[in-house]
Amino acid sequence: MLIDAHTHAFLPQDLEVLGERLAFLDEDLPSSSPHKWQVHGGGSVDGLIEAMERAGADRCVLLPVTGSKSRVGELNRWAAQVAMAHPQIIPFGILHPQAEPQRQMADLLELGLKGVKLHPFIQRFSLDQPEVAGLFNILAGERLPVLLDTIHTQGLMRAKPHLEQVLSFFGFSGCEPHQITALAHTHQELKFIAAHGGSLYGWDELGELLEMPNVYFDISYLSGIIDPRHLVEIIRKKGPERVLYGTDSPWRDAVAFREWFEDLPLTSGEREQVAAGTAMELLG
């Protein structure tokens, strides 16, 4: 079995805006660069379903994303509708710390969404802001799994120095290991999924995250940007029972990512656990 625990799809109007923003951010990077943010397979729901079928994924977790607090309810309803039409999809929802998270959470639960996705970079907040503490107090009361999209700021700028001015302009402080560690200590009742190997571009600074039982990692987006031996070392230190397979489709081609995953020097037991075992246990 294979469960892709980190996928996205977008509404048509969002894909148009997305294309414009990607051109602005990464237009100077060649399409062959694994660091380039680019959409594979169109980015629609139909494109996602087709990609999952081609890659041999039995189920996938759909993670809606928006930086606009006014669109949280709209996209949560959309995710629920997509999952009703496609039973192989496991729908997560989104919340925003500046947009009535108590009401949003009630709506999210009523829709039957299975977890919460937060993207500090796109939603422009930091994990240590006061209003974010209130959001996590609400989340703690419901205990849904929380997937955090991670970016290590200094590591990102080393990989993509052309983004330094963008990051400086927006004042983004990252979603980094020390911040996630503090959050997980405060809310030990919650289960966190730290995307992209725990800290995108910050794998040498995972520290205590490797030992925290309520923090899981997924391996989404990592093909081509981390040495496979380094990733296997992280998986074994964390424990395969705390690691989930995920592609970040459509930011990665699902078939190529599956092939990359199958080539990782894991044991068959480790591979099966990451491929589906951890997701089945975490998501029920």
C-alpha atoms as a PDB file:
ATOM      1  CA  MET A   1       0.000   0.000   0.000  1.00  0.00           C
ATOM      2  CA  LEU A   2       1.056   3.584  -0.651  1.00  0.00           C
ATOM      3  CA  ILE A   3      -0.461   6.677   0.988  1.00  0.00           C
ATOM      4  CA  ASP A   4       0.734  10.048  -0.253  1.00  0.00           C
ATOM      5  CA  ALA A   5       0.372  12.199   2.856  1.00  0.00           C
ATOM      6  CA  HIS A   6       1.237  15.532   1.234  1.00  0.00           C
ATOM      7  CA  THR A   7      -0.499  16.640  -1.967  1.00  0.00           C
ATOM      8  CA  HIS A   8      -2.151  19.770  -3.328  1.00  0.00           C
ATOM      9  CA  ALA A   9      -4.655  20.758  -5.991  1.00  0.00           C
ATOM     10  CA  PHE A  10      -5.904  24.187  -6.929  1.00  0.00           C
ATOM     11  CA  LEU A  11      -8.980  25.909  -8.302  1.00  0.00           C
ATOM     12  CA  PRO A  12      -8.606  27.274 -11.858  1.00  0.00           C
ATOM     13  CA  GLN A  13      -8.459  30.917 -10.768  1.00  0.00           C
ATOM     14  CA  ASP A  14      -5.765  30.086  -8.229  1.00  0.00           C
ATOM     15  CA  LEU A  15      -3.654  28.291 -10.814  1.00  0.00           C
ATOM     16  CA  GLU A  16      -3.581  31.437 -12.925  1.00  0.00           C
ATOM     17  CA  VAL A  17      -2.331  33.565 -10.034  1.00  0.00           C
ATOM     18  CA  LEU A  18       0.085  30.840  -9.020  1.00  0.00           C
ATOM     19  CA  GLY A  19       1.695  30.825 -12.434  1.00  0.00           C
ATOM     20  CA  GLU A  20       2.318  34.565 -12.240  1.00  0.00           C
ATOM     21  CA  ARG A  21       3.869  34.340  -8.777  1.00  0.00           C
ATOM     22  CA  LEU A  22       6.102  31.423  -9.686  1.00  0.00           C
ATOM     23  CA  ALA A  23       7.391  33.295 -12.700  1.00  0.00           C
ATOM     24  CA  PHE A  24       8.283  36.207 -10.426  1.00  0.00           C
ATOM     25  CA  LEU A  25       9.977  34.078  -7.766  1.00  0.00           C
ATOM     26  CA  ASP A  26      11.949  31.558  -9.799  1.00  0.00           C
ATOM     27  CA  GLU A  27      12.025  32.771 -13.397  1.00  0.00           C
ATOM     28  CA  ASP A  28      15.849  32.706 -13.504  1.00  0.00           C
ATOM     29  CA  LEU A  29      16.144  29.073 -12.411  1.00  0.00           C
ATOM     30  CA  PRO A  30      16.255  26.457 -15.196  1.00  0.00           C
ATOM     31  CA  SER A  31      13.393  23.959 -15.257  1.00  0.00           C
ATOM     32  CA  SER A  32      15.923  21.202 -14.584  1.00  0.00           C
ATOM     33  CA  SER A  33      16.765  22.631 -11.150  1.00  0.00           C
ATOM     34  CA  PRO A  34      15.256  20.592  -8.269  1.00  0.00           C
ATOM     35  CA  HIS A  35      15.033  23.836  -6.281  1.00  0.00           C
ATOM     36  CA  LYS A  36      12.691  25.485  -8.781  1.00  0.00           C
ATOM     37  CA  TRP A  37       9.072  25.870  -7.676  1.00  0.00           C
ATOM     38  CA  GLN A  38       7.085  24.610 -10.655  1.00  0.00           C
ATOM     39  CA  VAL A  39       3.787  22.814 -11.187  1.00  0.00           C
ATOM     40  CA  HIS A  40       3.758  19.306 -12.670  1.00  0.00           C
ATOM     41  CA  GLY A  41       0.639  17.830 -14.254  1.00  0.00           C
ATOM     42  CA  GLY A  42      -1.508  20.938 -14.325  1.00  0.00           C
ATOM     43  CA  GLY A  43      -2.292  21.337 -10.621  1.00  0.00           C
ATOM     44  CA  SER A  44      -6.033  20.571 -10.850  1.00  0.00           C
ATOM     45  CA  VAL A  45      -7.982  17.929  -8.921  1.00  0.00           C
ATOM     46  CA  ASP A  46      -8.196  15.792 -12.058  1.00  0.00           C
ATOM     47  CA  GLY A  47      -4.458  16.175 -12.512  1.00  0.00           C
ATOM     48  CA  LEU A  48      -3.875  15.068  -8.927  1.00  0.00           C
ATOM     49  CA  ILE A  49      -6.087  11.989  -9.287  1.00  0.00           C
ATOM     50  CA  GLU A  50      -4.301  11.008 -12.491  1.00  0.00           C
ATOM     51  CA  ALA A  51      -0.883  11.545 -10.918  1.00  0.00           C
ATOM     52  CA  MET A  52      -1.759   9.384  -7.921  1.00  0.00           C
ATOM     53  CA  GLU A  53      -3.023   6.597 -10.182  1.00  0.00           C
ATOM     54  CA  ARG A  54       0.127   6.680 -12.298  1.00  0.00           C
ATOM     55  CA  ALA A  55       2.320   6.615  -9.193  1.00  0.00           C
ATOM     56  CA  GLY A  56       0.371   3.721  -7.657  1.00  0.00           C
ATOM     57  CA  ALA A  57      -0.850   5.634  -4.593  1.00  0.00           C
ATOM     58  CA  ASP A  58      -3.925   4.086  -2.953  1.00  0.00           C
ATOM     59  CA  ARG A  59      -4.892   7.188  -0.962  1.00  0.00           C
ATOM     60  CA  CYS A  60      -3.671  10.769  -0.757  1.00  0.00           C
ATOM     61  CA  VAL A  61      -4.028  13.637   1.695  1.00  0.00           C
ATOM     62  CA  LEU A  62      -5.263  16.852   0.048  1.00  0.00           C
ATOM     63  CA  LEU A  63      -3.885  19.994   1.662  1.00  0.00           C
ATOM     64  CA  PRO A  64      -5.626  23.239   0.616  1.00  0.00           C
ATOM     65  CA  VAL A  65      -3.469  26.357   0.792  1.00  0.00           C
ATOM     66  CA  THR A  66      -4.235  30.075   0.853  1.00  0.00           C
ATOM     67  CA  GLY A  67      -2.571  33.183   2.179  1.00  0.00           C
ATOM     68  CA  SER A  68      -5.924  34.988   2.301  1.00  0.00           C
ATOM     69  CA  LYS A  69      -7.756  34.721   5.600  1.00  0.00           C
ATOM     70  CA  SER A  70     -11.042  35.534   3.847  1.00  0.00           C
ATOM     71  CA  ARG A  71     -10.856  32.338   1.777  1.00  0.00           C
ATOM     72  CA  VAL A  72     -10.353  29.797   4.555  1.00  0.00           C
ATOM     73  CA  GLY A  73     -13.997  28.739   4.717  1.00  0.00           C
ATOM     74  CA  GLU A  74     -14.335  28.555   0.928  1.00  0.00           C
ATOM     75  CA  LEU A  75     -11.330  26.276   0.512  1.00  0.00           C
ATOM     76  CA  ASN A  76     -12.280  24.053   3.434  1.00  0.00           C
ATOM     77  CA  ARG A  77     -15.701  23.481   1.877  1.00  0.00           C
ATOM     78  CA  TRP A  78     -14.034  22.800  -1.454  1.00  0.00           C
ATOM     79  CA  ALA A  79     -11.694  20.201   0.088  1.00  0.00           C
ATOM     80  CA  ALA A  80     -14.658  18.419   1.667  1.00  0.00           C
ATOM     81  CA  GLN A  81     -16.528  18.412  -1.645  1.00  0.00           C
ATOM     82  CA  VAL A  82     -13.504  17.043  -3.506  1.00  0.00           C
ATOM     83  CA  ALA A  83     -13.184  14.204  -0.991  1.00  0.00           C
ATOM     84  CA  MET A  84     -16.878  13.330  -1.346  1.00  0.00           C
ATOM     85  CA  ALA A  85     -16.408  13.034  -5.111  1.00  0.00           C
ATOM     86  CA  HIS A  86     -13.125  11.117  -4.798  1.00  0.00           C
ATOM     87  CA  PRO A  87     -13.106   8.656  -1.867  1.00  0.00           C
ATOM     88  CA  GLN A  88      -9.386   8.017  -2.247  1.00  0.00           C
ATOM     89  CA  ILE A  89      -8.719  11.559  -1.046  1.00  0.00           C
ATOM     90  CA  ILE A  90      -8.236  12.277   2.674  1.00  0.00           C
ATOM     91  CA  PRO A  91      -9.112  15.970   3.146  1.00  0.00           C
ATOM     92  CA  PHE A  92      -7.314  18.299   5.527  1.00  0.00           C
ATOM     93  CA  GLY A  93      -8.456  21.859   6.169  1.00  0.00           C
ATOM     94  CA  ILE A  94      -6.740  25.156   6.818  1.00  0.00           C
ATOM     95  CA  LEU A  95      -6.972  27.711   9.590  1.00  0.00           C
ATOM     96  CA  HIS A  96      -5.592  31.226   9.862  1.00  0.00           C
ATOM     97  CA  PRO A  97      -4.568  32.816  13.191  1.00  0.00           C
ATOM     98  CA  GLN A  98      -6.034  36.179  12.138  1.00  0.00           C
ATOM     99  CA  ALA A  99      -9.435  34.974  10.901  1.00  0.00           C
ATOM    100  CA  GLU A 100     -11.723  33.790  13.697  1.00  0.00           C
ATOM    101  CA  PRO A 101     -10.006  30.431  14.226  1.00  0.00           C
ATOM    102  CA  GLN A 102     -12.603  29.304  16.776  1.00  0.00           C
ATOM    103  CA  ARG A 103     -15.391  29.577  14.213  1.00  0.00           C
ATOM    104  CA  GLN A 104     -13.181  28.192  11.480  1.00  0.00           C
ATOM    105  CA  MET A 105     -12.405  25.156  13.597  1.00  0.00           C
ATOM    106  CA  ALA A 106     -16.082  24.481  14.254  1.00  0.00           C
ATOM    107  CA  ASP A 107     -16.774  24.643  10.508  1.00  0.00           C
ATOM    108  CA  LEU A 108     -13.775  22.426   9.750  1.00  0.00           C
ATOM    109  CA  LEU A 109     -15.003  19.760  12.162  1.00  0.00           C
ATOM    110  CA  GLU A 110     -18.540  19.930  10.796  1.00  0.00           C
ATOM    111  CA  LEU A 111     -17.156  19.335   7.307  1.00  0.00           C
ATOM    112  CA  GLY A 112     -15.454  16.166   8.526  1.00  0.00           C
ATOM    113  CA  LEU A 113     -11.924  17.246   7.612  1.00  0.00           C
ATOM    114  CA  LYS A 114      -9.243  14.950   9.007  1.00  0.00           C
ATOM    115  CA  GLY A 115      -6.479  17.358   9.973  1.00  0.00           C
ATOM    116  CA  VAL A 116      -5.193  20.915   9.707  1.00  0.00           C
ATOM    117  CA  LYS A 117      -2.586  22.363   7.351  1.00  0.00           C
ATOM    118  CA  LEU A 118      -0.730  25.532   8.321  1.00  0.00           C
ATOM    119  CA  HIS A 119       1.695  27.297   5.991  1.00  0.00           C
ATOM    120  CA  PRO A 120       3.472  30.087   7.904  1.00  0.00           C
ATOM    121  CA  PHE A 121       5.402  31.230   4.818  1.00  0.00           C
ATOM    122  CA  ILE A 122       2.329  31.747   2.613  1.00  0.00           C
ATOM    123  CA  GLN A 123       0.064  32.831   5.484  1.00  0.00           C
ATOM    124  CA  ARG A 124       2.764  35.194   6.738  1.00  0.00           C
ATOM    125  CA  PHE A 125       2.886  34.375  10.420  1.00  0.00           C
ATOM    126  CA  SER A 126       5.479  33.063  12.839  1.00  0.00           C
ATOM    127  CA  LEU A 127       4.937  30.212  15.261  1.00  0.00           C
ATOM    128  CA  ASP A 128       5.950  32.361  18.212  1.00  0.00           C
ATOM    129  CA  GLN A 129       3.456  35.220  17.660  1.00  0.00           C
ATOM    130  CA  PRO A 130       0.821  35.761  20.419  1.00  0.00           C
ATOM    131  CA  GLU A 131      -2.186  35.245  18.116  1.00  0.00           C
ATOM    132  CA  VAL A 132      -0.686  31.953  16.963  1.00  0.00           C
ATOM    133  CA  ALA A 133      -0.604  30.739  20.563  1.00  0.00           C
ATOM    134  CA  GLY A 134      -4.377  31.230  20.669  1.00  0.00           C
ATOM    135  CA  LEU A 135      -4.784  29.233  17.480  1.00  0.00           C
ATOM    136  CA  PHE A 136      -2.877  26.296  18.928  1.00  0.00           C
ATOM    137  CA  ASN A 137      -4.894  26.419  22.131  1.00  0.00           C
ATOM    138  CA  ILE A 138      -7.969  25.880  19.940  1.00  0.00           C
ATOM    139  CA  LEU A 139      -6.259  23.070  18.044  1.00  0.00           C
ATOM    140  CA  ALA A 140      -5.238  21.419  21.300  1.00  0.00           C
ATOM    141  CA  GLY A 141      -8.881  21.108  22.301  1.00  0.00           C
ATOM    142  CA  GLU A 142      -9.712  19.067  19.202  1.00  0.00           C
ATOM    143  CA  ARG A 143      -6.438  17.144  18.764  1.00  0.00           C
ATOM    144  CA  LEU A 144      -6.501  16.816  15.003  1.00  0.00           C
ATOM    145  CA  PRO A 145      -3.069  16.191  13.427  1.00  0.00           C
ATOM    146  CA  VAL A 146      -1.414  19.452  12.371  1.00  0.00           C
ATOM    147  CA  LEU A 147       0.814  19.564   9.307  1.00  0.00           C
ATOM    148  CA  LEU A 148       3.295  22.437   9.383  1.00  0.00           C
ATOM    149  CA  ASP A 149       4.927  23.524   6.153  1.00  0.00           C
ATOM    150  CA  THR A 150       8.527  24.148   7.140  1.00  0.00           C
ATOM    151  CA  ILE A 151      11.193  26.426   5.704  1.00  0.00           C
ATOM    152  CA  HIS A 152      14.599  27.048   7.245  1.00  0.00           C
ATOM    153  CA  THR A 153      15.223  30.638   6.211  1.00  0.00           C
ATOM    154  CA  GLN A 154      19.020  30.638   6.082  1.00  0.00           C
ATOM    155  CA  GLY A 155      19.088  27.277   4.332  1.00  0.00           C
ATOM    156  CA  LEU A 156      16.564  28.495   1.756  1.00  0.00           C
ATOM    157  CA  MET A 157      18.660  31.572   0.999  1.00  0.00           C
ATOM    158  CA  ARG A 158      21.756  29.422   0.535  1.00  0.00           C
ATOM    159  CA  ALA A 159      19.871  27.256  -1.967  1.00  0.00           C
ATOM    160  CA  LYS A 160      18.039  30.161  -3.624  1.00  0.00           C
ATOM    161  CA  PRO A 161      19.959  33.394  -2.935  1.00  0.00           C
ATOM    162  CA  HIS A 162      17.766  35.310  -5.390  1.00  0.00           C
ATOM    163  CA  LEU A 163      14.939  35.118  -2.820  1.00  0.00           C
ATOM    164  CA  GLU A 164      16.819  37.043  -0.125  1.00  0.00           C
ATOM    165  CA  GLN A 165      15.152  40.363  -0.939  1.00  0.00           C
ATOM    166  CA  VAL A 166      11.687  38.757  -1.038  1.00  0.00           C
ATOM    167  CA  LEU A 167      12.146  37.160   2.377  1.00  0.00           C
ATOM    168  CA  SER A 168      13.538  40.385   3.798  1.00  0.00           C
ATOM    169  CA  PHE A 169      10.622  42.415   2.403  1.00  0.00           C
ATOM    170  CA  PHE A 170       7.983  40.155   3.936  1.00  0.00           C
ATOM    171  CA  GLY A 171       9.893  39.790   7.205  1.00  0.00           C
ATOM    172  CA  PHE A 172       9.390  36.031   7.263  1.00  0.00           C
ATOM    173  CA  SER A 173      11.074  34.392  10.251  1.00  0.00           C
ATOM    174  CA  GLY A 174      10.639  30.808   9.128  1.00  0.00           C
ATOM    175  CA  CYS A 175       9.091  27.692  10.544  1.00  0.00           C
ATOM    176  CA  GLU A 176      12.254  26.250  11.956  1.00  0.00           C
ATOM    177  CA  PRO A 177      13.272  23.366  14.254  1.00  0.00           C
ATOM    178  CA  HIS A 178      13.626  25.423  17.430  1.00  0.00           C
ATOM    179  CA  GLN A 179      10.183  26.988  16.909  1.00  0.00           C
ATOM    180  CA  ILE A 180       8.505  23.640  16.224  1.00  0.00           C
ATOM    181  CA  THR A 181      10.272  22.105  19.222  1.00  0.00           C
ATOM    182  CA  ALA A 182       8.972  24.818  21.559  1.00  0.00           C
ATOM    183  CA  LEU A 183       5.454  24.425  20.139  1.00  0.00           C
ATOM    184  CA  ALA A 184       5.513  20.641  20.516  1.00  0.00           C
ATOM    185  CA  HIS A 185       6.704  20.943  24.117  1.00  0.00           C
ATOM    186  CA  THR A 186       3.857  23.332  24.910  1.00  0.00           C
ATOM    187  CA  HIS A 187       1.241  21.119  23.235  1.00  0.00           C
ATOM    188  CA  GLN A 188       2.321  17.564  23.911  1.00  0.00           C
ATOM    189  CA  GLU A 189      -1.266  16.433  23.389  1.00  0.00           C
ATOM    190  CA  LEU A 190      -1.077  17.409  19.691  1.00  0.00           C
ATOM    191  CA  LYS A 191       0.531  15.442  16.886  1.00  0.00           C
ATOM    192  CA  PHE A 192       2.532  17.581  14.486  1.00  0.00           C
ATOM    193  CA  ILE A 193       3.766  16.660  11.026  1.00  0.00           C
ATOM    194  CA  ALA A 194       6.832  18.740  10.164  1.00  0.00           C
ATOM    195  CA  ALA A 195       6.887  18.692   6.369  1.00  0.00           C
ATOM    196  CA  HIS A 196       9.905  18.283   4.113  1.00  0.00           C
ATOM    197  CA  GLY A 197      12.015  16.149   6.425  1.00  0.00           C
ATOM    198  CA  GLY A 198      11.353  18.231   9.527  1.00  0.00           C
ATOM    199  CA  SER A 199      12.839  21.462   8.200  1.00  0.00           C
ATOM    200  CA  LEU A 200      13.162  22.282   4.504  1.00  0.00           C
ATOM    201  CA  TYR A 201      16.836  23.147   3.897  1.00  0.00           C
ATOM    202  CA  GLY A 202      17.515  22.875   7.636  1.00  0.00           C
ATOM    203  CA  TRP A 203      18.193  19.146   8.013  1.00  0.00           C
ATOM    204  CA  ASP A 204      21.467  19.693   9.868  1.00  0.00           C
ATOM    205  CA  GLU A 205      19.659  21.563  12.664  1.00  0.00           C
ATOM    206  CA  LEU A 206      16.817  19.177  13.513  1.00  0.00           C
ATOM    207  CA  GLY A 207      18.201  18.589  17.010  1.00  0.00           C
ATOM    208  CA  GLU A 208      15.532  17.719  19.562  1.00  0.00           C
ATOM    209  CA  LEU A 209      12.855  17.310  16.878  1.00  0.00           C
ATOM    210  CA  LEU A 210      14.375  13.926  16.101  1.00  0.00           C
ATOM    211  CA  GLU A 211      13.485  12.708  19.593  1.00  0.00           C
ATOM    212  CA  MET A 212      10.050  14.233  20.141  1.00  0.00           C
ATOM    213  CA  PRO A 213       7.338  11.545  20.025  1.00  0.00           C
ATOM    214  CA  ASN A 214       4.541  13.973  19.066  1.00  0.00           C
ATOM    215  CA  VAL A 215       6.418  15.312  16.029  1.00  0.00           C
ATOM    216  CA  TYR A 216       6.309  13.366  12.761  1.00  0.00           C
ATOM    217  CA  PHE A 217       8.210  14.124   9.559  1.00  0.00           C
ATOM    218  CA  ASP A 218       7.105  13.709   5.978  1.00  0.00           C
ATOM    219  CA  ILE A 219       9.550  13.366   3.090  1.00  0.00           C
ATOM    220  CA  SER A 220       7.662  15.580   0.620  1.00  0.00           C
ATOM    221  CA  TYR A 221       9.583  17.580  -1.988  1.00  0.00           C
ATOM    222  CA  LEU A 222      12.955  16.147  -0.938  1.00  0.00           C
ATOM    223  CA  SER A 223      13.873  14.351  -4.152  1.00  0.00           C
ATOM    224  CA  GLY A 224      16.960  15.888  -5.692  1.00  0.00           C
ATOM    225  CA  ILE A 225      17.667  18.375  -2.892  1.00  0.00           C
ATOM    226  CA  ILE A 226      18.940  16.081  -0.127  1.00  0.00           C
ATOM    227  CA  ASP A 227      21.510  13.314  -0.293  1.00  0.00           C
ATOM    228  CA  PRO A 228      19.580   9.999  -0.089  1.00  0.00           C
ATOM    229  CA  ARG A 229      21.992   8.667   2.530  1.00  0.00           C
ATOM    230  CA  HIS A 230      21.390  11.748   4.663  1.00  0.00           C
ATOM    231  CA  LEU A 231      17.627  11.276   4.387  1.00  0.00           C
ATOM    232  CA  VAL A 232      17.867   7.600   5.359  1.00  0.00           C
ATOM    233  CA  GLU A 233      19.939   8.646   8.368  1.00  0.00           C
ATOM    234  CA  ILE A 234      17.200  11.121   9.384  1.00  0.00           C
ATOM    235  CA  ILE A 235      14.483   8.477   8.923  1.00  0.00           C
ATOM    236  CA  ARG A 236      16.339   6.010  11.115  1.00  0.00           C
ATOM    237  CA  LYS A 237      17.119   8.571  13.809  1.00  0.00           C
ATOM    238  CA  LYS A 238      13.501   9.705  13.861  1.00  0.00           C
ATOM    239  CA  GLY A 239      12.191   6.164  13.525  1.00  0.00           C
ATOM    240  CA  PRO A 240      10.203   5.043  10.452  1.00  0.00           C
ATOM    241  CA  GLU A 241       7.087   4.897  12.645  1.00  0.00           C
ATOM    242  CA  ARG A 242       7.290   8.726  12.811  1.00  0.00           C
ATOM    243  CA  VAL A 243       7.893   9.318   9.093  1.00  0.00           C
ATOM    244  CA  LEU A 244       5.319   9.587   6.288  1.00  0.00           C
ATOM    245  CA  TYR A 245       5.625   9.291   2.535  1.00  0.00           C
ATOM    246  CA  GLY A 246       4.534  12.403   0.669  1.00  0.00           C
ATOM    247  CA  THR A 247       5.377  13.877  -2.709  1.00  0.00           C
ATOM    248  CA  ASP A 248       4.191  17.507  -2.481  1.00  0.00           C
ATOM    249  CA  SER A 249       2.479  16.896  -5.830  1.00  0.00           C
ATOM    250  CA  PRO A 250       2.137  18.931  -8.054  1.00  0.00           C
ATOM    251  CA  TRP A 251       5.401  20.569  -6.918  1.00  0.00           C
ATOM    252  CA  ARG A 252       6.990  17.204  -7.631  1.00  0.00           C
ATOM    253  CA  ASP A 253       6.149  14.706 -10.371  1.00  0.00           C
ATOM    254  CA  ALA A 254       4.471  11.863  -8.467  1.00  0.00           C
ATOM    255  CA  VAL A 255       5.834   9.047 -10.648  1.00  0.00           C
ATOM    256  CA  ALA A 256       9.430  10.298 -10.567  1.00  0.00           C
ATOM    257  CA  PHE A 257       9.152  10.824  -6.815  1.00  0.00           C
ATOM    258  CA  ARG A 258       7.903   7.253  -6.308  1.00  0.00           C
ATOM    259  CA  GLU A 259      10.863   5.944  -8.281  1.00  0.00           C
ATOM    260  CA  TRP A 260      13.234   8.050  -6.176  1.00  0.00           C
ATOM    261  CA  PHE A 261      11.627   6.714  -2.979  1.00  0.00           C
ATOM    262  CA  GLU A 262      11.935   3.103  -4.113  1.00  0.00           C
ATOM    263  CA  ASP A 263      15.658   3.659  -4.707  1.00  0.00           C
ATOM    264  CA  LEU A 264      16.337   4.950  -1.183  1.00  0.00           C
ATOM    265  CA  PRO A 265      18.602   2.496   0.697  1.00  0.00           C
ATOM    266  CA  LEU A 266      15.909   1.465   3.205  1.00  0.00           C
ATOM    267  CA  THR A 267      15.015  -2.027   4.390  1.00  0.00           C
ATOM    268  CA  SER A 268      11.740  -3.460   3.120  1.00  0.00           C
ATOM    269  CA  GLY A 269      10.209  -3.020   6.577  1.00  0.00           C
ATOM    270  CA  GLU A 270      11.305   0.613   6.785  1.00  0.00           C
ATOM    271  CA  ARG A 271       9.984   1.298   3.294  1.00  0.00           C
ATOM    272  CA  GLU A 272       6.570  -0.235   4.034  1.00  0.00           C
ATOM    273  CA  GLN A 273       6.268   1.716   7.269  1.00  0.00           C
ATOM    274  CA  VAL A 274       7.039   5.046   5.611  1.00  0.00           C
ATOM    275  CA  ALA A 275       4.938   4.247   2.524  1.00  0.00           C
ATOM    276  CA  ALA A 276       1.718   3.635   4.429  1.00  0.00           C
ATOM    277  CA  GLY A 277       2.118   2.252   7.932  1.00  0.00           C
ATOM    278  CA  THR A 278       2.717   5.543   9.703  1.00  0.00           C
ATOM    279  CA  ALA A 279      -0.098   7.323   7.851  1.00  0.00           C
ATOM    280  CA  MET A 280      -2.559   4.516   8.641  1.00  0.00           C
ATOM    281  CA  GLU A 281      -1.718   4.721  12.336  1.00  0.00           C
ATOM    282  CA  LEU A 282      -1.718   8.529  12.500  1.00  0.00           C
ATOM    283  CA  LEU A 283      -4.813   9.162  10.390  1.00  0.00           C
ATOM    284  CA  GLY A 284      -6.836   6.098  11.316  1.00  0.00           C
END
